[in-house]
Amino acid sequence: MTYTMAAAAGVVAAVLLDVLVLRTRLVLGRVFWCAYPIILGFQLLSNGILTGRGVVRYDPGAILGVRLVHAPVEDLAFGFALILATLSVWTWLPTRSAGWRPGRDR
């Protein structure tokens, strides 16, 4: 599996987790898309530093070859999947554990 295919699978899995499994539907709301550019800016900064200085290198045969601030575009897809999945679980957890009390099994 190439890095590109793994990144695409990560995005699909994160969107399915958000929309169908946890039903938080963050990706369908305006708040997520207003906050995401802030996260994206810091992701581009850190990716640019790590890949621009050669700390992280990629096999040219495993990526598309399109780069943004030194990093392959696949990194943006992985970052999107990671952020969406994390925020979806973070949003979902309080609703899941609202009735939980220490020492009491569900």
PDB file of N, CA and C in Angstrom:
ATOM      1  N   MET A   1       0.847  -1.172   0.000  1.00  0.00           N
ATOM      2  CA  MET A   1       0.000   0.000   0.000  1.00  0.00           C
ATOM      3  C   MET A   1       0.894   1.237   0.000  1.00  0.00           C
ATOM      4  N   THR A   2       0.598   2.171  -0.890  1.00  0.00           N
ATOM      5  CA  THR A   2       1.381   3.391  -0.953  1.00  0.00           C
ATOM      6  C   THR A   2       0.912   4.369   0.128  1.00  0.00           C
ATOM      7  N   TYR A   3       1.732   5.359   0.364  1.00  0.00           N
ATOM      8  CA  TYR A   3       1.396   6.406   1.328  1.00  0.00           C
ATOM      9  C   TYR A   3       0.123   7.127   0.890  1.00  0.00           C
ATOM     10  N   THR A   4      -0.031   7.310  -0.404  1.00  0.00           N
ATOM     11  CA  THR A   4      -1.219   7.967  -0.953  1.00  0.00           C
ATOM     12  C   THR A   4      -2.480   7.158  -0.653  1.00  0.00           C
ATOM     13  N   MET A   5      -2.425   5.858  -0.873  1.00  0.00           N
ATOM     14  CA  MET A   5      -3.588   5.009  -0.600  1.00  0.00           C
ATOM     15  C   MET A   5      -3.906   4.983   0.892  1.00  0.00           C
ATOM     16  N   ALA A   6      -2.884   4.935   1.731  1.00  0.00           N
ATOM     17  CA  ALA A   6      -3.095   4.933   3.176  1.00  0.00           C
ATOM     18  C   ALA A   6      -3.720   6.246   3.632  1.00  0.00           C
ATOM     19  N   ALA A   7      -3.278   7.353   3.060  1.00  0.00           N
ATOM     20  CA  ALA A   7      -3.846   8.658   3.418  1.00  0.00           C
ATOM     21  C   ALA A   7      -5.315   8.736   3.009  1.00  0.00           C
ATOM     22  N   ALA A   8      -5.623   8.254   1.808  1.00  0.00           N
ATOM     23  CA  ALA A   8      -7.016   8.256   1.343  1.00  0.00           C
ATOM     24  C   ALA A   8      -7.881   7.363   2.230  1.00  0.00           C
ATOM     25  N   ALA A   9      -7.368   6.197   2.603  1.00  0.00           N
ATOM     26  CA  ALA A   9      -8.116   5.297   3.488  1.00  0.00           C
ATOM     27  C   ALA A   9      -8.329   5.939   4.858  1.00  0.00           C
ATOM     28  N   GLY A  10      -7.336   6.671   5.341  1.00  0.00           N
ATOM     29  CA  GLY A  10      -7.471   7.360   6.623  1.00  0.00           C
ATOM     30  C   GLY A  10      -8.562   8.409   6.597  1.00  0.00           C
ATOM     31  N   VAL A  11      -8.634   9.171   5.515  1.00  0.00           N
ATOM     32  CA  VAL A  11      -9.677  10.198   5.384  1.00  0.00           C
ATOM     33  C   VAL A  11     -11.059   9.547   5.331  1.00  0.00           C
ATOM     34  N   VAL A  12     -11.192   8.514   4.528  1.00  0.00           N
ATOM     35  CA  VAL A  12     -12.486   7.819   4.421  1.00  0.00           C
ATOM     36  C   VAL A  12     -12.893   7.244   5.779  1.00  0.00           C
ATOM     37  N   ALA A  13     -11.966   6.612   6.472  1.00  0.00           N
ATOM     38  CA  ALA A  13     -12.267   6.021   7.780  1.00  0.00           C
ATOM     39  C   ALA A  13     -12.675   7.095   8.793  1.00  0.00           C
ATOM     40  N   ALA A  14     -11.986   8.232   8.797  1.00  0.00           N
ATOM     41  CA  ALA A  14     -12.311   9.299   9.744  1.00  0.00           C
ATOM     42  C   ALA A  14     -13.691   9.895   9.463  1.00  0.00           C
ATOM     43  N   VAL A  15     -14.003  10.099   8.192  1.00  0.00           N
ATOM     44  CA  VAL A  15     -15.321  10.645   7.839  1.00  0.00           C
ATOM     45  C   VAL A  15     -16.428   9.651   8.203  1.00  0.00           C
ATOM     46  N   LEU A  16     -16.217   8.370   7.923  1.00  0.00           N
ATOM     47  CA  LEU A  16     -17.211   7.358   8.290  1.00  0.00           C
ATOM     48  C   LEU A  16     -17.378   7.278   9.802  1.00  0.00           C
ATOM     49  N   LEU A  17     -16.277   7.363  10.537  1.00  0.00           N
ATOM     50  CA  LEU A  17     -16.347   7.369  11.999  1.00  0.00           C
ATOM     51  C   LEU A  17     -17.168   8.550  12.491  1.00  0.00           C
ATOM     52  N   ASP A  18     -16.914   9.712  11.934  1.00  0.00           N
ATOM     53  CA  ASP A  18     -17.606  10.929  12.342  1.00  0.00           C
ATOM     54  C   ASP A  18     -19.096  10.913  11.987  1.00  0.00           C
ATOM     55  N   VAL A  19     -19.396  10.559  10.757  1.00  0.00           N
ATOM     56  CA  VAL A  19     -20.772  10.678  10.262  1.00  0.00           C
ATOM     57  C   VAL A  19     -21.640   9.472  10.605  1.00  0.00           C
ATOM     58  N   LEU A  20     -21.106   8.266  10.422  1.00  0.00           N
ATOM     59  CA  LEU A  20     -21.941   7.078  10.566  1.00  0.00           C
ATOM     60  C   LEU A  20     -21.792   6.332  11.888  1.00  0.00           C
ATOM     61  N   VAL A  21     -20.573   6.245  12.410  1.00  0.00           N
ATOM     62  CA  VAL A  21     -20.360   5.437  13.612  1.00  0.00           C
ATOM     63  C   VAL A  21     -20.684   6.230  14.875  1.00  0.00           C
ATOM     64  N   LEU A  22     -19.991   7.342  15.084  1.00  0.00           N
ATOM     65  CA  LEU A  22     -20.215   8.137  16.295  1.00  0.00           C
ATOM     66  C   LEU A  22     -21.362   9.124  16.148  1.00  0.00           C
ATOM     67  N   ARG A  23     -21.692   9.439  14.914  1.00  0.00           N
ATOM     68  CA  ARG A  23     -22.778  10.370  14.577  1.00  0.00           C
ATOM     69  C   ARG A  23     -22.583  11.755  15.183  1.00  0.00           C
ATOM     70  N   THR A  24     -21.344  12.186  15.307  1.00  0.00           N
ATOM     71  CA  THR A  24     -21.070  13.539  15.779  1.00  0.00           C
ATOM     72  C   THR A  24     -21.231  14.548  14.650  1.00  0.00           C
ATOM     73  N   ARG A  25     -21.006  14.108  13.433  1.00  0.00           N
ATOM     74  CA  ARG A  25     -21.217  14.902  12.217  1.00  0.00           C
ATOM     75  C   ARG A  25     -20.479  16.254  12.232  1.00  0.00           C
ATOM     76  N   LEU A  26     -19.284  16.262  12.793  1.00  0.00           N
ATOM     77  CA  LEU A  26     -18.500  17.494  12.835  1.00  0.00           C
ATOM     78  C   LEU A  26     -18.157  17.984  11.438  1.00  0.00           C
ATOM     79  N   VAL A  27     -17.852  17.054  10.559  1.00  0.00           N
ATOM     80  CA  VAL A  27     -17.433  17.408   9.210  1.00  0.00           C
ATOM     81  C   VAL A  27     -18.556  18.096   8.425  1.00  0.00           C
ATOM     82  N   LEU A  28     -19.771  17.976   8.895  1.00  0.00           N
ATOM     83  CA  LEU A  28     -20.908  18.603   8.216  1.00  0.00           C
ATOM     84  C   LEU A  28     -21.228  19.988   8.766  1.00  0.00           C
ATOM     85  N   GLY A  29     -20.512  20.400   9.812  1.00  0.00           N
ATOM     86  CA  GLY A  29     -20.814  21.677  10.451  1.00  0.00           C
ATOM     87  C   GLY A  29     -19.835  22.786  10.128  1.00  0.00           C
ATOM     88  N   ARG A  30     -20.288  23.999  10.308  1.00  0.00           N
ATOM     89  CA  ARG A  30     -19.489  25.181  10.026  1.00  0.00           C
ATOM     90  C   ARG A  30     -18.362  25.373  11.030  1.00  0.00           C
ATOM     91  N   VAL A  31     -18.590  25.017  12.289  1.00  0.00           N
ATOM     92  CA  VAL A  31     -17.589  25.229  13.330  1.00  0.00           C
ATOM     93  C   VAL A  31     -16.302  24.467  13.012  1.00  0.00           C
ATOM     94  N   PHE A  32     -16.418  23.221  12.586  1.00  0.00           N
ATOM     95  CA  PHE A  32     -15.244  22.435  12.235  1.00  0.00           C
ATOM     96  C   PHE A  32     -14.454  23.107  11.123  1.00  0.00           C
ATOM     97  N   TRP A  33     -15.142  23.536  10.087  1.00  0.00           N
ATOM     98  CA  TRP A  33     -14.460  24.120   8.931  1.00  0.00           C
ATOM     99  C   TRP A  33     -13.915  25.511   9.217  1.00  0.00           C
ATOM    100  N   CYS A  34     -14.463  26.197  10.217  1.00  0.00           N
ATOM    101  CA  CYS A  34     -13.889  27.484  10.627  1.00  0.00           C
ATOM    102  C   CYS A  34     -12.633  27.281  11.478  1.00  0.00           C
ATOM    103  N   ALA A  35     -12.583  26.225  12.248  1.00  0.00           N
ATOM    104  CA  ALA A  35     -11.431  25.941  13.104  1.00  0.00           C
ATOM    105  C   ALA A  35     -10.313  25.223  12.354  1.00  0.00           C
ATOM    106  N   TYR A  36     -10.656  24.458  11.356  1.00  0.00           N
ATOM    107  CA  TYR A  36      -9.658  23.643  10.665  1.00  0.00           C
ATOM    108  C   TYR A  36      -8.515  24.454  10.044  1.00  0.00           C
ATOM    109  N   PRO A  37      -8.755  25.623   9.451  1.00  0.00           N
ATOM    110  CA  PRO A  37      -7.623  26.377   8.893  1.00  0.00           C
ATOM    111  C   PRO A  37      -6.558  26.749   9.936  1.00  0.00           C
ATOM    112  N   ILE A  38      -6.945  26.938  11.171  1.00  0.00           N
ATOM    113  CA  ILE A  38      -5.971  27.226  12.229  1.00  0.00           C
ATOM    114  C   ILE A  38      -5.070  26.012  12.423  1.00  0.00           C
ATOM    115  N   ILE A  39      -5.688  24.846  12.517  1.00  0.00           N
ATOM    116  CA  ILE A  39      -4.939  23.598  12.679  1.00  0.00           C
ATOM    117  C   ILE A  39      -4.051  23.364  11.457  1.00  0.00           C
ATOM    118  N   LEU A  40      -4.586  23.593  10.289  1.00  0.00           N
ATOM    119  CA  LEU A  40      -3.855  23.391   9.044  1.00  0.00           C
ATOM    120  C   LEU A  40      -2.609  24.275   8.990  1.00  0.00           C
ATOM    121  N   GLY A  41      -2.731  25.498   9.440  1.00  0.00           N
ATOM    122  CA  GLY A  41      -1.580  26.399   9.458  1.00  0.00           C
ATOM    123  C   GLY A  41      -0.434  25.842  10.289  1.00  0.00           C
ATOM    124  N   PHE A  42      -0.749  25.353  11.480  1.00  0.00           N
ATOM    125  CA  PHE A  42       0.289  24.774  12.330  1.00  0.00           C
ATOM    126  C   PHE A  42       0.817  23.453  11.766  1.00  0.00           C
ATOM    127  N   GLN A  43      -0.035  22.707  11.096  1.00  0.00           N
ATOM    128  CA  GLN A  43       0.418  21.471  10.464  1.00  0.00           C
ATOM    129  C   GLN A  43       1.404  21.783   9.341  1.00  0.00           C
ATOM    130  N   LEU A  44       1.101  22.775   8.530  1.00  0.00           N
ATOM    131  CA  LEU A  44       2.014  23.156   7.454  1.00  0.00           C
ATOM    132  C   LEU A  44       3.343  23.659   8.005  1.00  0.00           C
ATOM    133  N   LEU A  45       3.290  24.397   9.097  1.00  0.00           N
ATOM    134  CA  LEU A  45       4.512  24.892   9.728  1.00  0.00           C
ATOM    135  C   LEU A  45       5.392  23.740  10.209  1.00  0.00           C
ATOM    136  N   SER A  46       4.802  22.823  10.961  1.00  0.00           N
ATOM    137  CA  SER A  46       5.596  21.705  11.492  1.00  0.00           C
ATOM    138  C   SER A  46       6.054  20.763  10.373  1.00  0.00           C
ATOM    139  N   ASN A  47       5.186  20.478   9.407  1.00  0.00           N
ATOM    140  CA  ASN A  47       5.596  19.634   8.276  1.00  0.00           C
ATOM    141  C   ASN A  47       6.716  20.290   7.476  1.00  0.00           C
ATOM    142  N   GLY A  48       6.600  21.595   7.266  1.00  0.00           N
ATOM    143  CA  GLY A  48       7.628  22.311   6.520  1.00  0.00           C
ATOM    144  C   GLY A  48       8.979  22.241   7.202  1.00  0.00           C
ATOM    145  N   ILE A  49       8.996  22.383   8.516  1.00  0.00           N
ATOM    146  CA  ILE A  49      10.248  22.305   9.261  1.00  0.00           C
ATOM    147  C   ILE A  49      10.824  20.887   9.194  1.00  0.00           C
ATOM    148  N   LEU A  50      10.003  19.898   9.466  1.00  0.00           N
ATOM    149  CA  LEU A  50      10.497  18.516   9.515  1.00  0.00           C
ATOM    150  C   LEU A  50      10.964  17.999   8.154  1.00  0.00           C
ATOM    151  N   THR A  51      10.204  18.279   7.118  1.00  0.00           N
ATOM    152  CA  THR A  51      10.588  17.772   5.800  1.00  0.00           C
ATOM    153  C   THR A  51      11.611  18.683   5.126  1.00  0.00           C
ATOM    154  N   GLY A  52      11.528  19.974   5.362  1.00  0.00           N
ATOM    155  CA  GLY A  52      12.479  20.905   4.762  1.00  0.00           C
ATOM    156  C   GLY A  52      13.897  20.710   5.282  1.00  0.00           C
ATOM    157  N   ARG A  53      14.038  20.291   6.517  1.00  0.00           N
ATOM    158  CA  ARG A  53      15.363  20.048   7.102  1.00  0.00           C
ATOM    159  C   ARG A  53      15.820  18.602   6.961  1.00  0.00           C
ATOM    160  N   GLY A  54      14.986  17.774   6.348  1.00  0.00           N
ATOM    161  CA  GLY A  54      15.369  16.387   6.090  1.00  0.00           C
ATOM    162  C   GLY A  54      15.201  15.453   7.269  1.00  0.00           C
ATOM    163  N   VAL A  55      14.497  15.908   8.318  1.00  0.00           N
ATOM    164  CA  VAL A  55      14.240  15.024   9.463  1.00  0.00           C
ATOM    165  C   VAL A  55      13.339  13.877   9.032  1.00  0.00           C
ATOM    166  N   VAL A  56      12.358  14.191   8.194  1.00  0.00           N
ATOM    167  CA  VAL A  56      11.437  13.187   7.656  1.00  0.00           C
ATOM    168  C   VAL A  56      11.601  13.178   6.139  1.00  0.00           C
ATOM    169  N   ARG A  57      11.795  11.999   5.577  1.00  0.00           N
ATOM    170  CA  ARG A  57      11.919  11.856   4.121  1.00  0.00           C
ATOM    171  C   ARG A  57      10.927  10.813   3.632  1.00  0.00           C
ATOM    172  N   TYR A  58      10.511  10.959   2.388  1.00  0.00           N
ATOM    173  CA  TYR A  58       9.516  10.073   1.798  1.00  0.00           C
ATOM    174  C   TYR A  58      10.072   9.397   0.562  1.00  0.00           C
ATOM    175  N   ASP A  59       9.664   8.161   0.348  1.00  0.00           N
ATOM    176  CA  ASP A  59      10.020   7.439  -0.865  1.00  0.00           C
ATOM    177  C   ASP A  59       9.236   8.060  -2.021  1.00  0.00           C
ATOM    178  N   PRO A  60       9.907   8.609  -3.021  1.00  0.00           N
ATOM    179  CA  PRO A  60       9.203   9.251  -4.129  1.00  0.00           C
ATOM    180  C   PRO A  60       8.209   8.328  -4.842  1.00  0.00           C
ATOM    181  N   GLY A  61       8.443   7.036  -4.806  1.00  0.00           N
ATOM    182  CA  GLY A  61       7.532   6.103  -5.453  1.00  0.00           C
ATOM    183  C   GLY A  61       6.263   5.826  -4.667  1.00  0.00           C
ATOM    184  N   ALA A  62       6.215   6.269  -3.415  1.00  0.00           N
ATOM    185  CA  ALA A  62       5.061   5.991  -2.565  1.00  0.00           C
ATOM    186  C   ALA A  62       4.137   7.199  -2.409  1.00  0.00           C
ATOM    187  N   ILE A  63       4.531   8.342  -2.968  1.00  0.00           N
ATOM    188  CA  ILE A  63       3.713   9.557  -2.843  1.00  0.00           C
ATOM    189  C   ILE A  63       3.386  10.098  -4.232  1.00  0.00           C
ATOM    190  N   LEU A  64       2.427  11.020  -4.283  1.00  0.00           N
ATOM    191  CA  LEU A  64       2.059  11.624  -5.562  1.00  0.00           C
ATOM    192  C   LEU A  64       3.168  12.515  -6.107  1.00  0.00           C
ATOM    193  N   GLY A  65       3.923  13.132  -5.220  1.00  0.00           N
ATOM    194  CA  GLY A  65       4.990  14.026  -5.641  1.00  0.00           C
ATOM    195  C   GLY A  65       4.641  15.496  -5.495  1.00  0.00           C
ATOM    196  N   VAL A  66       3.367  15.797  -5.289  1.00  0.00           N
ATOM    197  CA  VAL A  66       2.956  17.179  -5.074  1.00  0.00           C
ATOM    198  C   VAL A  66       3.277  17.542  -3.629  1.00  0.00           C
ATOM    199  N   ARG A  67       3.989  18.658  -3.456  1.00  0.00           N
ATOM    200  CA  ARG A  67       4.391  19.065  -2.109  1.00  0.00           C
ATOM    201  C   ARG A  67       3.858  20.462  -1.815  1.00  0.00           C
ATOM    202  N   LEU A  68       3.578  20.674  -0.552  1.00  0.00           N
ATOM    203  CA  LEU A  68       3.133  21.976  -0.063  1.00  0.00           C
ATOM    204  C   LEU A  68       3.975  22.278   1.164  1.00  0.00           C
ATOM    205  N   VAL A  69       4.746  23.342   1.119  1.00  0.00           N
ATOM    206  CA  VAL A  69       5.691  23.687   2.177  1.00  0.00           C
ATOM    207  C   VAL A  69       6.590  22.483   2.477  1.00  0.00           C
ATOM    208  N   HIS A  70       7.192  21.928   1.468  1.00  0.00           N
ATOM    209  CA  HIS A  70       8.131  20.805   1.521  1.00  0.00           C
ATOM    210  C   HIS A  70       7.489  19.439   1.795  1.00  0.00           C
ATOM    211  N   ALA A  71       6.305  19.380   2.343  1.00  0.00           N
ATOM    212  CA  ALA A  71       5.692  18.103   2.723  1.00  0.00           C
ATOM    213  C   ALA A  71       4.753  17.615   1.622  1.00  0.00           C
ATOM    214  N   PRO A  72       4.661  16.308   1.428  1.00  0.00           N
ATOM    215  CA  PRO A  72       3.717  15.780   0.435  1.00  0.00           C
ATOM    216  C   PRO A  72       2.273  16.074   0.839  1.00  0.00           C
ATOM    217  N   VAL A  73       1.413  16.258  -0.149  1.00  0.00           N
ATOM    218  CA  VAL A  73       0.013  16.569   0.136  1.00  0.00           C
ATOM    219  C   VAL A  73      -0.658  15.458   0.937  1.00  0.00           C
ATOM    220  N   GLU A  74      -0.117  14.250   0.854  1.00  0.00           N
ATOM    221  CA  GLU A  74      -0.686  13.140   1.624  1.00  0.00           C
ATOM    222  C   GLU A  74      -0.633  13.429   3.131  1.00  0.00           C
ATOM    223  N   ASP A  75       0.381  14.187   3.555  1.00  0.00           N
ATOM    224  CA  ASP A  75       0.465  14.546   4.973  1.00  0.00           C
ATOM    225  C   ASP A  75      -0.740  15.377   5.410  1.00  0.00           C
ATOM    226  N   LEU A  76      -1.238  16.216   4.515  1.00  0.00           N
ATOM    227  CA  LEU A  76      -2.424  17.007   4.845  1.00  0.00           C
ATOM    228  C   LEU A  76      -3.637  16.107   5.028  1.00  0.00           C
ATOM    229  N   ALA A  77      -3.728  15.075   4.197  1.00  0.00           N
ATOM    230  CA  ALA A  77      -4.837  14.132   4.325  1.00  0.00           C
ATOM    231  C   ALA A  77      -4.749  13.368   5.643  1.00  0.00           C
ATOM    232  N   PHE A  78      -3.543  12.896   5.991  1.00  0.00           N
ATOM    233  CA  PHE A  78      -3.375  12.201   7.271  1.00  0.00           C
ATOM    234  C   PHE A  78      -3.695  13.124   8.442  1.00  0.00           C
ATOM    235  N   GLY A  79      -3.234  14.358   8.360  1.00  0.00           N
ATOM    236  CA  GLY A  79      -3.515  15.317   9.431  1.00  0.00           C
ATOM    237  C   GLY A  79      -5.002  15.574   9.576  1.00  0.00           C
ATOM    238  N   PHE A  80      -5.691  15.712   8.449  1.00  0.00           N
ATOM    239  CA  PHE A  80      -7.139  15.903   8.465  1.00  0.00           C
ATOM    240  C   PHE A  80      -7.830  14.720   9.140  1.00  0.00           C
ATOM    241  N   ALA A  81      -7.438  13.510   8.754  1.00  0.00           N
ATOM    242  CA  ALA A  81      -8.042  12.297   9.326  1.00  0.00           C
ATOM    243  C   ALA A  81      -7.789  12.221  10.827  1.00  0.00           C
ATOM    244  N   LEU A  82      -6.573  12.533  11.239  1.00  0.00           N
ATOM    245  CA  LEU A  82      -6.228  12.492  12.659  1.00  0.00           C
ATOM    246  C   LEU A  82      -7.031  13.508  13.459  1.00  0.00           C
ATOM    247  N   ILE A  83      -7.114  14.718  12.969  1.00  0.00           N
ATOM    248  CA  ILE A  83      -7.847  15.776  13.675  1.00  0.00           C
ATOM    249  C   ILE A  83      -9.342  15.449  13.721  1.00  0.00           C
ATOM    250  N   LEU A  84      -9.909  15.046  12.605  1.00  0.00           N
ATOM    251  CA  LEU A  84     -11.340  14.733  12.572  1.00  0.00           C
ATOM    252  C   LEU A  84     -11.671  13.577  13.507  1.00  0.00           C
ATOM    253  N   ALA A  85     -10.894  12.516  13.454  1.00  0.00           N
ATOM    254  CA  ALA A  85     -11.160  11.357  14.315  1.00  0.00           C
ATOM    255  C   ALA A  85     -11.024  11.731  15.790  1.00  0.00           C
ATOM    256  N   THR A  86      -9.989  12.487  16.121  1.00  0.00           N
ATOM    257  CA  THR A  86      -9.777  12.896  17.512  1.00  0.00           C
ATOM    258  C   THR A  86     -10.907  13.784  18.016  1.00  0.00           C
ATOM    259  N   LEU A  87     -11.285  14.776  17.229  1.00  0.00           N
ATOM    260  CA  LEU A  87     -12.369  15.668  17.652  1.00  0.00           C
ATOM    261  C   LEU A  87     -13.713  14.943  17.710  1.00  0.00           C
ATOM    262  N   SER A  88     -13.934  13.999  16.816  1.00  0.00           N
ATOM    263  CA  SER A  88     -15.181  13.230  16.840  1.00  0.00           C
ATOM    264  C   SER A  88     -15.280  12.409  18.122  1.00  0.00           C
ATOM    265  N   VAL A  89     -14.216  11.718  18.468  1.00  0.00           N
ATOM    266  CA  VAL A  89     -14.220  10.927  19.708  1.00  0.00           C
ATOM    267  C   VAL A  89     -14.338  11.841  20.913  1.00  0.00           C
ATOM    268  N   TRP A  90     -13.635  12.958  20.897  1.00  0.00           N
ATOM    269  CA  TRP A  90     -13.673  13.913  22.006  1.00  0.00           C
ATOM    270  C   TRP A  90     -15.085  14.470  22.200  1.00  0.00           C
ATOM    271  N   THR A  91     -15.788  14.717  21.110  1.00  0.00           N
ATOM    272  CA  THR A  91     -17.166  15.215  21.176  1.00  0.00           C
ATOM    273  C   THR A  91     -18.119  14.118  21.631  1.00  0.00           C
ATOM    274  N   TRP A  92     -17.872  12.913  21.204  1.00  0.00           N
ATOM    275  CA  TRP A  92     -18.757  11.782  21.494  1.00  0.00           C
ATOM    276  C   TRP A  92     -18.605  11.271  22.929  1.00  0.00           C
ATOM    277  N   LEU A  93     -17.405  11.266  23.484  1.00  0.00           N
ATOM    278  CA  LEU A  93     -17.154  10.681  24.807  1.00  0.00           C
ATOM    279  C   LEU A  93     -18.019  11.238  25.936  1.00  0.00           C
ATOM    280  N   PRO A  94     -18.178  12.544  26.077  1.00  0.00           N
ATOM    281  CA  PRO A  94     -19.033  13.022  27.180  1.00  0.00           C
ATOM    282  C   PRO A  94     -20.470  12.524  27.096  1.00  0.00           C
ATOM    283  N   THR A  95     -20.993  12.350  25.897  1.00  0.00           N
ATOM    284  CA  THR A  95     -22.367  11.846  25.776  1.00  0.00           C
ATOM    285  C   THR A  95     -22.423  10.370  26.154  1.00  0.00           C
ATOM    286  N   ARG A  96     -21.334   9.673  25.908  1.00  0.00           N
ATOM    287  CA  ARG A  96     -21.259   8.240  26.222  1.00  0.00           C
ATOM    288  C   ARG A  96     -21.140   8.006  27.718  1.00  0.00           C
ATOM    289  N   SER A  97     -20.402   8.855  28.392  1.00  0.00           N
ATOM    290  CA  SER A  97     -20.114   8.627  29.809  1.00  0.00           C
ATOM    291  C   SER A  97     -20.932   9.513  30.742  1.00  0.00           C
ATOM    292  N   ALA A  98     -21.978  10.150  30.261  1.00  0.00           N
ATOM    293  CA  ALA A  98     -22.763  11.076  31.086  1.00  0.00           C
ATOM    294  C   ALA A  98     -23.377  10.402  32.305  1.00  0.00           C
ATOM    295  N   GLY A  99     -23.784   9.154  32.177  1.00  0.00           N
ATOM    296  CA  GLY A  99     -24.426   8.471  33.294  1.00  0.00           C
ATOM    297  C   GLY A  99     -23.475   7.626  34.115  1.00  0.00           C
ATOM    298  N   TRP A 100     -22.193   7.680  33.808  1.00  0.00           N
ATOM    299  CA  TRP A 100     -21.209   6.841  34.493  1.00  0.00           C
ATOM    300  C   TRP A 100     -20.920   7.364  35.896  1.00  0.00           C
ATOM    301  N   ARG A 101     -20.850   6.464  36.860  1.00  0.00           N
ATOM    302  CA  ARG A 101     -20.473   6.808  38.236  1.00  0.00           C
ATOM    303  C   ARG A 101     -19.374   5.859  38.674  1.00  0.00           C
ATOM    304  N   PRO A 102     -18.380   6.355  39.399  1.00  0.00           N
ATOM    305  CA  PRO A 102     -17.308   5.467  39.868  1.00  0.00           C
ATOM    306  C   PRO A 102     -17.874   4.295  40.671  1.00  0.00           C
ATOM    307  N   GLY A 103     -17.347   3.105  40.418  1.00  0.00           N
ATOM    308  CA  GLY A 103     -17.765   1.913  41.136  1.00  0.00           C
ATOM    309  C   GLY A 103     -19.037   1.272  40.627  1.00  0.00           C
ATOM    310  N   ARG A 104     -19.617   1.847  39.596  1.00  0.00           N
ATOM    311  CA  ARG A 104     -20.850   1.307  39.045  1.00  0.00           C
ATOM    312  C   ARG A 104     -20.607   0.830  37.620  1.00  0.00           C
ATOM    313  N   ASP A 105     -20.858  -0.440  37.374  1.00  0.00           N
ATOM    314  CA  ASP A 105     -20.702  -0.976  36.023  1.00  0.00           C
ATOM    315  C   ASP A 105     -21.907  -0.605  35.189  1.00  0.00           C
ATOM    316  N   ARG A 106     -21.667  -0.573  33.914  1.00  0.00           N
ATOM    317  CA  ARG A 106     -22.777  -0.286  32.991  1.00  0.00           C
ATOM    318  C   ARG A 106     -23.512  -1.535  32.648  1.00  0.00           C
TER     319      ARG A 106
END
